[in-house]
Amino acid sequence: MLSFHEPPRGAKPRTVPLHGEFTCVKWDWCVGKRKVTMAKIDADGEILSLEREDLIMRIRKREPTDLSGEDLSGADLARVDLSGVTLFDANLSKTGLIGADLSNSDLTGADLSYADLTKANLKGARLWNANLRGAKLVEADLSEADLWKANLFNTRLWRTKLTDAKGLTKGSFHCGTGKFFQKCKAHEAGYISAEETYRNLKRYFITEGRYNDASWASFKEKTMEKMRLLKQKDPAYIPMALMGLLCGYGEMPIKIVVSSLCIIFGYAYLYYFLKMVTVVSSNIPLSFGDYLYYSIVTFTTLGYGEMVPKVVTAFRLIAASEAFFGAFLMGLFIFTLARKYSAR
């Protein structure tokens, strides 16, 4: 089979009906003693070999049961019945599989990147090492599917059914680059749908006992909620953003430690600049280390010893504000730590 972008002179076109709303224009001519045919889809101008066209028609009639290694990229396979079919290492990139039945099919190693699987039935399908990067799985059924080592980075999973699915982890959403700072995410273009997607993933991970993965999904859910509030100019954005900064929405205890250190050093510099601390019954000049110690004592609310704020109302209010932040962050730290490392 030979294919060309343009047929030679003298070739006579003939229009042939194709599946769906497309028509196919074919040209026949001779190369030596061999007859050559080229097919062209009018809708997008792509060259389509007759073997592939014939294969698609046979798939619609459910004739082949083994499509391992077949190249079906970009094909329109909407609502086809591929249940139980072997698609090992098949190329289904950018394929239209809207409403297709892929239940109990073997999609091991298949390339489904950017495929449209809206409302597709993938119940019980094997998707080992399958590439679903950028795929659209809106309202698809992935219940009982095996997603071991499948790539779901930037995949649309809005209202996707994940009941009893196996092998789905945070790592499934890893972009594949970056050793120390891994970027893991589902499709986030729409904040409302992304928020619901991460909420659904959080519930799935909790059900599976994957609490660290559930923590990641919960953090992403709150991040999408924050972005939604910002877009809507909702005043609730301010406390939401503050909680994200201080403790990662209750999912990152390390952020509280960092925030506490920043507050302690920040107040120490403020005390040092204002010279607002005095030593009882002594006029000894204080170093920055002394002010840092005073800030730690104030933050942890241990109680003052020989160092106290000067008898100025503003200085006392500043010290009281640090004590408030200290009590608040210590309580928040205990809550976040318990939430992070205990079963939910």
Protein backbone atom coordinates (compact mmCIF):
# COMPACT_ATOMS: atom_id res chain seq x y z
CA MET A 1 0.00 0.00 0.00
CA LEU A 2 1.36 3.40 -1.00
CA SER A 3 0.00 6.70 0.20
CA PHE A 4 0.60 10.24 -1.06
CA HIS A 5 -0.46 13.68 0.11
CA GLU A 6 -1.74 14.46 -3.39
CA PRO A 7 -2.78 11.96 -6.09
CA PRO A 8 -0.98 12.03 -9.46
CA ARG A 9 -2.51 13.51 -12.58
CA GLY A 10 -5.03 11.29 -14.30
CA ALA A 11 -6.23 9.64 -11.11
CA LYS A 12 -10.02 9.58 -10.96
CA PRO A 13 -11.65 10.29 -7.59
CA ARG A 14 -14.66 8.38 -6.31
CA THR A 15 -16.65 9.18 -3.18
CA VAL A 16 -17.33 6.36 -0.76
CA PRO A 17 -19.50 6.65 2.39
CA LEU A 18 -17.55 6.19 5.61
CA HIS A 19 -18.64 5.58 9.19
CA GLY A 20 -20.28 8.41 11.08
CA GLU A 21 -20.74 11.73 9.30
CA PHE A 22 -17.60 11.46 7.17
CA THR A 23 -17.19 10.65 3.51
CA CYS A 24 -14.08 9.18 1.99
CA VAL A 25 -12.64 10.22 -1.38
CA LYS A 26 -10.48 7.57 -3.07
CA TRP A 27 -8.22 7.69 -6.07
CA ASP A 28 -7.11 4.69 -8.14
CA TRP A 29 -4.11 4.62 -10.44
CA CYS A 30 -1.40 2.21 -11.58
CA VAL A 31 2.27 2.05 -10.64
CA GLY A 32 3.78 -0.39 -13.12
CA LYS A 33 1.59 -3.48 -12.98
CA ARG A 34 0.29 -2.72 -9.53
CA LYS A 35 -2.93 -0.90 -8.74
CA VAL A 36 -2.58 1.70 -5.97
CA THR A 37 -5.41 3.23 -3.95
CA MET A 38 -5.29 6.25 -1.70
CA ALA A 39 -8.08 7.28 0.65
CA LYS A 40 -8.63 10.75 2.08
CA ILE A 41 -11.13 11.85 4.74
CA ASP A 42 -12.76 15.11 3.73
CA ALA A 43 -13.32 16.30 7.32
CA ASP A 44 -9.69 16.86 8.26
CA GLY A 45 -7.68 16.02 5.15
CA GLU A 46 -5.75 13.16 6.78
CA ILE A 47 -4.53 10.24 4.69
CA LEU A 48 -6.14 6.98 5.73
CA SER A 49 -4.94 3.62 4.44
CA LEU A 50 -7.56 1.16 3.22
CA GLU A 51 -6.32 -1.48 5.63
CA ARG A 52 -6.99 0.83 8.59
CA GLU A 53 -10.39 1.85 7.22
CA ASP A 54 -11.33 -1.76 6.81
CA LEU A 55 -10.11 -2.55 10.33
CA ILE A 56 -12.28 0.23 11.81
CA MET A 57 -15.34 -1.10 9.98
CA ARG A 58 -14.60 -4.60 11.28
CA ILE A 59 -14.20 -3.26 14.81
CA ARG A 60 -17.64 -1.69 14.57
CA LYS A 61 -19.01 -5.10 13.57
CA ARG A 62 -17.10 -6.64 16.53
CA GLU A 63 -15.18 -9.06 14.36
CA PRO A 64 -11.57 -8.87 15.70
CA THR A 65 -10.96 -9.87 19.34
CA ASP A 66 -7.20 -9.29 19.33
CA LEU A 67 -6.04 -5.79 18.41
CA SER A 68 -2.62 -5.98 20.05
CA GLY A 69 -0.18 -3.42 18.65
CA GLU A 70 -2.73 -1.92 16.23
CA ASP A 71 -2.46 1.78 15.38
CA LEU A 72 -5.91 3.30 15.89
CA SER A 73 -4.72 6.78 16.84
CA GLY A 74 -7.20 9.53 16.01
CA ALA A 75 -9.90 7.09 14.89
CA ASP A 76 -13.58 7.65 15.66
CA LEU A 77 -14.65 4.64 17.74
CA ALA A 78 -17.53 6.22 19.61
CA ARG A 79 -19.92 3.75 21.22
CA VAL A 80 -18.12 0.70 19.82
CA ASP A 81 -18.22 -2.59 21.70
CA LEU A 82 -14.67 -3.60 22.62
CA SER A 83 -15.57 -5.53 25.76
CA GLY A 84 -13.13 -8.35 26.44
CA VAL A 85 -10.94 -7.38 23.47
CA THR A 86 -7.13 -7.57 23.79
CA LEU A 87 -5.55 -4.19 23.06
CA PHE A 88 -2.06 -4.94 24.35
CA ASP A 89 0.35 -2.11 23.33
CA ALA A 90 -2.29 -0.65 21.00
CA ASN A 91 -1.97 2.98 19.92
CA LEU A 92 -5.23 4.72 20.84
CA SER A 93 -3.77 8.20 21.20
CA LYS A 94 -6.36 10.95 20.53
CA THR A 95 -8.92 8.28 19.66
CA GLY A 96 -12.60 9.12 20.09
CA LEU A 97 -14.00 6.46 22.41
CA ILE A 98 -17.04 8.35 23.71
CA GLY A 99 -19.46 5.88 25.28
CA ALA A 100 -17.35 2.92 24.15
CA ASP A 101 -17.62 -0.39 25.99
CA LEU A 102 -14.12 -1.46 27.06
CA SER A 103 -15.20 -3.54 30.02
CA ASN A 104 -12.89 -6.45 30.89
CA SER A 105 -10.58 -5.50 28.00
CA ASP A 106 -6.81 -5.89 28.21
CA LEU A 107 -5.22 -2.46 27.69
CA THR A 108 -1.80 -3.34 29.09
CA GLY A 109 0.77 -0.87 27.79
CA ALA A 110 -1.80 0.82 25.55
CA ASP A 111 -1.32 4.47 24.59
CA LEU A 112 -4.55 6.28 25.43
CA SER A 113 -2.99 9.71 25.76
CA TYR A 114 -5.45 12.54 25.02
CA ALA A 115 -8.13 10.01 24.06
CA ASP A 116 -11.76 10.97 24.66
CA LEU A 117 -13.25 8.31 26.94
CA THR A 118 -16.25 10.32 28.11
CA LYS A 119 -18.87 7.98 29.60
CA ALA A 120 -16.81 4.98 28.47
CA ASN A 121 -17.25 1.68 30.30
CA LEU A 122 -13.86 0.45 31.57
CA LYS A 123 -15.24 -1.74 34.33
CA GLY A 124 -12.82 -4.56 35.11
CA ALA A 125 -10.37 -3.46 32.42
CA ARG A 126 -6.66 -4.14 32.82
CA LEU A 127 -4.69 -0.93 32.36
CA TRP A 128 -1.23 -1.98 33.49
CA ASN A 129 1.36 0.59 32.38
CA ALA A 130 -1.26 2.26 30.18
CA ASN A 131 -0.64 5.86 29.17
CA LEU A 132 -3.74 7.92 30.00
CA ARG A 133 -1.92 11.24 30.09
CA GLY A 134 -4.30 14.07 29.21
CA ALA A 135 -7.15 11.65 28.50
CA LYS A 136 -10.76 12.64 29.09
CA LEU A 137 -12.46 10.20 31.47
CA VAL A 138 -15.44 12.39 32.39
CA GLU A 139 -18.25 10.24 33.87
CA ALA A 140 -16.36 7.10 32.81
CA ASP A 141 -16.70 3.84 34.76
CA LEU A 142 -13.35 2.63 36.14
CA SER A 143 -14.85 0.42 38.83
CA GLU A 144 -12.85 -2.78 39.40
CA ALA A 145 -10.29 -1.64 36.80
CA ASP A 146 -6.62 -2.43 37.45
CA LEU A 147 -4.56 0.75 37.07
CA TRP A 148 -1.19 -0.62 38.19
CA LYS A 149 1.51 1.85 37.08
CA ALA A 150 -0.90 3.63 34.72
CA ASN A 151 -0.06 7.26 33.89
CA LEU A 152 -2.96 9.58 34.71
CA PHE A 153 -1.11 12.90 34.71
CA ASN A 154 -3.40 15.80 33.73
CA THR A 155 -6.31 13.40 33.15
CA ARG A 156 -9.91 14.62 33.43
CA LEU A 157 -11.62 12.50 36.09
CA TRP A 158 -14.74 14.54 36.79
CA ARG A 159 -17.45 12.25 38.22
CA THR A 160 -15.44 9.19 37.25
CA LYS A 161 -16.55 6.03 39.04
CA LEU A 162 -13.62 4.51 40.98
CA THR A 163 -15.42 1.93 43.10
CA ASP A 164 -13.10 -1.04 43.85
CA ALA A 165 -10.51 0.18 41.35
CA LYS A 166 -7.03 -1.22 42.00
CA GLY A 167 -3.52 0.22 41.76
CA LEU A 168 -4.49 3.91 41.82
CA THR A 169 -2.06 6.04 43.86
CA LYS A 170 -0.72 9.58 44.01
CA GLY A 171 2.16 8.32 41.84
CA SER A 172 -0.35 7.57 39.08
CA PHE A 173 -0.61 11.34 38.58
CA HIS A 174 3.13 11.98 38.39
CA CYS A 175 4.26 13.86 35.29
CA GLY A 176 7.31 11.58 34.95
CA THR A 177 9.92 14.32 35.42
CA GLY A 178 11.60 15.67 38.52
CA LYS A 179 13.38 13.52 41.07
CA PHE A 180 13.02 15.59 44.24
CA PHE A 181 10.08 17.89 43.51
CA GLN A 182 7.50 15.65 41.87
CA LYS A 183 4.59 17.29 40.13
CA CYS A 184 1.44 15.22 40.52
CA LYS A 185 -1.91 16.50 39.32
CA ALA A 186 -5.13 15.72 37.52
CA HIS A 187 -6.68 18.13 35.02
CA GLU A 188 -7.12 21.51 36.75
CA ALA A 189 -8.37 23.85 34.02
CA GLY A 190 -11.82 24.14 35.65
CA TYR A 191 -11.57 24.83 39.37
CA ILE A 192 -15.03 23.49 40.23
CA SER A 193 -14.59 20.20 38.37
CA ALA A 194 -11.00 19.86 39.64
CA GLU A 195 -12.17 20.40 43.22
CA GLU A 196 -14.76 17.64 42.83
CA THR A 197 -12.19 15.38 41.16
CA TYR A 198 -9.76 15.67 44.07
CA ARG A 199 -12.58 15.19 46.57
CA ASN A 200 -13.52 11.97 44.80
CA LEU A 201 -9.87 10.83 44.83
CA LYS A 202 -9.59 11.68 48.55
CA ARG A 203 -12.57 9.45 49.33
CA TYR A 204 -11.12 6.64 47.22
CA PHE A 205 -7.70 6.84 48.92
CA ILE A 206 -9.27 6.86 52.40
CA THR A 207 -11.34 3.80 51.49
CA GLU A 208 -8.16 2.06 50.31
CA GLY A 209 -6.27 3.06 53.46
CA ARG A 210 -3.81 5.27 51.55
CA TYR A 211 -3.80 8.17 54.01
CA ASN A 212 -0.71 9.94 52.64
CA ASP A 213 -2.27 9.92 49.18
CA ALA A 214 -5.55 11.10 50.70
CA SER A 215 -3.63 13.97 52.34
CA TRP A 216 -2.27 15.00 48.93
CA ALA A 217 -5.73 14.86 47.36
CA SER A 218 -7.20 16.86 50.26
CA PHE A 219 -4.53 19.55 49.86
CA LYS A 220 -5.21 19.79 46.12
CA GLU A 221 -8.97 19.92 46.77
CA LYS A 222 -8.54 22.90 49.12
CA THR A 223 -6.15 24.56 46.67
CA MET A 224 -8.79 24.36 43.93
CA GLU A 225 -11.39 25.71 46.37
CA LYS A 226 -9.07 28.64 47.16
CA MET A 227 -8.60 29.39 43.45
CA ARG A 228 -12.35 29.22 42.91
CA LEU A 229 -12.95 31.70 45.74
CA LEU A 230 -10.31 34.02 44.30
CA LYS A 231 -11.94 33.90 40.86
CA GLN A 232 -15.33 34.65 42.40
CA LYS A 233 -13.80 37.45 44.54
CA ASP A 234 -15.26 35.82 47.64
CA PRO A 235 -14.00 37.26 51.00
CA ALA A 236 -13.66 33.67 52.25
CA TYR A 237 -10.52 33.52 50.10
CA ILE A 238 -8.49 35.40 52.74
CA PRO A 239 -8.82 32.87 55.63
CA MET A 240 -8.51 30.01 53.13
CA ALA A 241 -5.25 31.43 51.75
CA LEU A 242 -3.97 32.03 55.30
CA MET A 243 -4.64 28.42 56.31
CA GLY A 244 -2.90 27.22 53.18
CA LEU A 245 0.14 29.34 53.99
CA LEU A 246 0.33 28.38 57.67
CA CYS A 247 -0.43 24.66 57.65
CA GLY A 248 -1.25 23.49 54.12
CA TYR A 249 -4.96 23.24 55.05
CA GLY A 250 -4.12 20.93 57.96
CA GLU A 251 -2.10 18.51 55.80
CA MET A 252 1.46 19.84 56.23
CA PRO A 253 2.80 20.05 59.83
CA ILE A 254 6.20 21.19 58.52
CA LYS A 255 4.60 24.43 57.33
CA ILE A 256 3.57 25.22 60.91
CA VAL A 257 7.14 24.69 62.11
CA VAL A 258 8.45 27.03 59.40
CA SER A 259 5.72 29.60 60.17
CA SER A 260 6.54 29.45 63.89
CA LEU A 261 10.26 30.02 63.28
CA CYS A 262 9.47 32.97 61.01
CA ILE A 263 7.25 34.54 63.69
CA ILE A 264 9.82 33.99 66.46
CA PHE A 265 12.66 35.57 64.48
CA GLY A 266 10.40 38.32 63.12
CA TYR A 267 9.31 39.39 66.60
CA ALA A 268 12.91 39.09 67.89
CA TYR A 269 14.03 41.59 65.26
CA LEU A 270 11.08 43.85 66.15
CA TYR A 271 11.99 43.75 69.86
CA TYR A 272 15.62 44.43 69.03
CA PHE A 273 14.73 47.37 66.79
CA LEU A 274 12.35 48.96 69.31
CA LYS A 275 14.51 48.11 72.34
CA MET A 276 11.28 47.25 74.09
CA VAL A 277 12.63 44.73 76.62
CA THR A 278 14.17 45.50 79.96
CA VAL A 279 15.86 43.39 82.63
CA VAL A 280 14.37 43.61 86.12
CA SER A 281 16.65 45.52 88.55
CA SER A 282 19.45 45.82 85.98
CA ASN A 283 20.59 48.11 83.19
CA ILE A 284 22.70 45.50 81.35
CA PRO A 285 22.51 46.06 77.55
CA LEU A 286 20.81 43.20 75.72
CA SER A 287 22.17 41.40 72.65
CA PHE A 288 20.11 40.02 69.79
CA GLY A 289 20.41 36.58 71.41
CA ASP A 290 18.66 37.94 74.48
CA TYR A 291 15.83 39.32 72.36
CA LEU A 292 15.57 35.97 70.55
CA TYR A 293 15.29 34.18 73.91
CA TYR A 294 12.61 36.65 75.01
CA SER A 295 10.70 36.01 71.75
CA ILE A 296 10.81 32.23 72.27
CA VAL A 297 9.58 32.59 75.88
CA THR A 298 6.75 34.86 74.72
CA PHE A 299 5.77 32.60 71.79
CA THR A 300 5.63 29.45 73.92
CA THR A 301 3.86 31.34 76.77
CA LEU A 302 6.30 29.92 79.35
CA GLY A 303 6.12 33.06 81.48
CA TYR A 304 8.57 35.89 81.95
CA GLY A 305 11.58 35.70 84.24
CA GLU A 306 14.09 38.50 84.58
CA MET A 307 13.22 40.02 81.16
CA VAL A 308 9.91 41.82 80.74
CA PRO A 309 8.48 44.35 78.26
CA LYS A 310 8.92 47.99 79.13
CA VAL A 311 5.96 49.67 80.80
CA VAL A 312 4.50 50.96 77.54
CA THR A 313 1.04 49.88 76.40
CA ALA A 314 2.09 49.41 72.76
CA PHE A 315 5.04 47.18 73.76
CA ARG A 316 2.81 45.03 75.93
CA LEU A 317 0.28 44.63 73.13
CA ILE A 318 3.03 43.55 70.72
CA ALA A 319 4.22 40.90 73.18
CA ALA A 320 0.63 39.75 73.74
CA SER A 321 0.10 39.37 69.98
CA GLU A 322 3.09 37.03 69.74
CA ALA A 323 1.77 35.00 72.66
CA PHE A 324 -1.56 34.67 70.83
CA PHE A 325 0.14 33.47 67.63
CA GLY A 326 2.18 31.00 69.66
CA ALA A 327 -0.84 29.46 71.40
CA PHE A 328 -2.75 29.31 68.10
CA LEU A 329 0.06 27.68 66.11
CA MET A 330 0.94 25.16 68.82
CA GLY A 331 -2.68 24.03 68.98
CA LEU A 332 -2.84 23.90 65.19
CA PHE A 333 0.37 21.87 65.09
CA ILE A 334 -1.01 19.23 67.46
CA PHE A 335 -4.23 18.99 65.44
CA THR A 336 -2.39 18.74 62.10
CA LEU A 337 0.08 16.17 63.41
CA ALA A 338 -2.73 13.99 64.75
CA ARG A 339 -4.65 14.34 61.48
CA LYS A 340 -1.60 13.52 59.39
CA TYR A 341 -0.31 10.46 61.19
CA SER A 342 -3.43 8.80 62.58
CA ALA A 343 -6.16 6.90 60.76
CA ARG A 344 -8.98 9.15 59.61
